[in-house]
C-alpha cells in the first residue's frame, strides 16, 4: 500500500495513522530512518523503557527456569534476536 503526505517548509510531515498503528508509534517516541544500499528507507521506532523492562523481566524469568546466568540487557538481546533473526 502507498501513502502520501506533504512536507512543510520546516521539514515536518505527518506519518499516516495506519503506519503509526502498525509501528506502535506514539507522540514523543524516537523514530529512525535508515537508508538501504538500494536507496530505499527503513523506518523504525525506538523501544520504550517499559518494553525494555518487560523484555528483561522475561529474560530473568527464563534464566531462573533454565539455571542460566542472567545479565542485565539479556532481554533486549534475546528480543532483538527473535525479532530480527540474528
Protein backbone atom coordinates (compact mmCIF):
# COMPACT_ATOMS: atom_id res chain seq x y z
CA UNK A 1 0.00 0.00 0.00
CA UNK A 2 1.22 3.54 -0.76
CA UNK A 3 0.65 6.57 1.45
CA UNK A 4 1.22 10.20 0.52
CA UNK A 5 1.97 13.10 2.83
CA UNK A 6 3.13 16.72 2.45
CA UNK A 7 6.41 18.14 3.74
CA UNK A 8 6.09 21.52 5.42
CA UNK A 9 8.52 24.42 4.98
CA UNK A 10 10.01 23.45 8.37
CA UNK A 11 10.73 19.90 7.16
CA UNK A 12 7.99 18.19 9.13
CA UNK A 13 5.34 15.79 7.89
CA UNK A 14 2.55 13.64 9.28
CA UNK A 15 3.03 9.90 9.35
CA UNK A 16 -0.24 8.32 8.23
CA UNK A 17 -2.30 6.80 11.06
CA UNK A 18 -2.16 3.31 9.54
CA UNK A 19 1.65 3.34 9.64
CA UNK A 20 1.72 4.78 13.18
CA UNK A 21 -0.58 1.99 14.34
CA UNK A 22 1.47 -0.72 12.61
CA UNK A 23 4.72 0.56 14.15
CA UNK A 24 3.15 1.39 17.50
CA UNK A 25 4.35 5.00 17.24
CA UNK A 26 3.05 7.43 19.83
CA UNK A 27 3.81 11.12 20.46
CA UNK A 28 7.29 11.66 21.88
CA UNK A 29 8.74 8.39 20.53
CA UNK A 30 12.02 8.43 18.67
CA UNK A 31 11.97 7.27 15.05
CA UNK A 32 14.98 6.35 12.91
CA UNK A 33 15.27 6.45 9.14
CA UNK A 34 17.90 4.12 7.65
CA UNK A 35 18.89 4.27 4.00
CA UNK A 36 19.46 0.90 2.32
CA UNK A 37 22.03 0.22 -0.40
CA UNK A 38 19.23 0.38 -2.97
CA UNK A 39 18.30 3.91 -1.85
CA UNK A 40 15.10 2.97 -0.03
CA UNK A 41 14.50 3.97 3.58
CA UNK A 42 13.54 1.82 6.53
CA UNK A 43 11.54 3.46 9.33
CA UNK A 44 11.86 2.05 12.85
CA UNK A 45 10.80 3.27 16.24
CA UNK A 46 12.90 3.03 19.36
CA UNK A 47 11.69 0.77 22.12
CA UNK A 48 10.20 2.40 25.18
CA UNK A 49 11.77 1.88 28.59
CA UNK A 50 8.69 -0.11 29.58
CA UNK A 51 9.22 -2.50 26.66
CA UNK A 52 12.89 -2.95 27.59
CA UNK A 53 11.99 -3.60 31.25
CA UNK A 54 9.40 -6.18 30.20
CA UNK A 55 11.94 -7.97 27.98
CA UNK A 56 14.49 -8.00 30.82
CA UNK A 57 11.90 -9.41 33.26
CA UNK A 58 11.05 -12.14 30.74
CA UNK A 59 14.75 -12.96 30.26
CA UNK A 60 15.24 -13.09 34.04
CA UNK A 61 12.29 -15.47 34.38
CA UNK A 62 13.70 -17.69 31.59
CA UNK A 63 17.13 -17.70 33.23
CA UNK A 64 15.58 -18.76 36.54
CA UNK A 65 13.84 -21.75 34.95
CA UNK A 66 16.86 -22.85 32.89
CA UNK A 67 19.54 -22.29 35.55
CA UNK A 68 21.27 -19.92 33.13
CA UNK A 69 23.15 -16.88 34.39
CA UNK A 70 21.24 -13.64 33.75
CA UNK A 71 22.98 -10.42 32.77
CA UNK A 72 21.27 -7.03 32.51
CA UNK A 73 20.30 -6.46 28.88
CA UNK A 74 19.73 -10.15 28.12
CA UNK A 75 16.04 -9.45 27.50
CA UNK A 76 16.85 -6.81 24.91
CA UNK A 77 19.40 -9.06 23.20
CA UNK A 78 17.03 -12.03 23.11
CA UNK A 79 14.09 -9.98 21.85
CA UNK A 80 16.27 -8.45 19.12
CA UNK A 81 17.41 -11.89 18.01
CA UNK A 82 13.86 -13.20 17.96
CA UNK A 83 12.54 -10.16 16.10
CA UNK A 84 15.34 -9.76 13.55
CA UNK A 85 16.59 -13.35 13.31
CA UNK A 86 20.16 -12.56 14.27
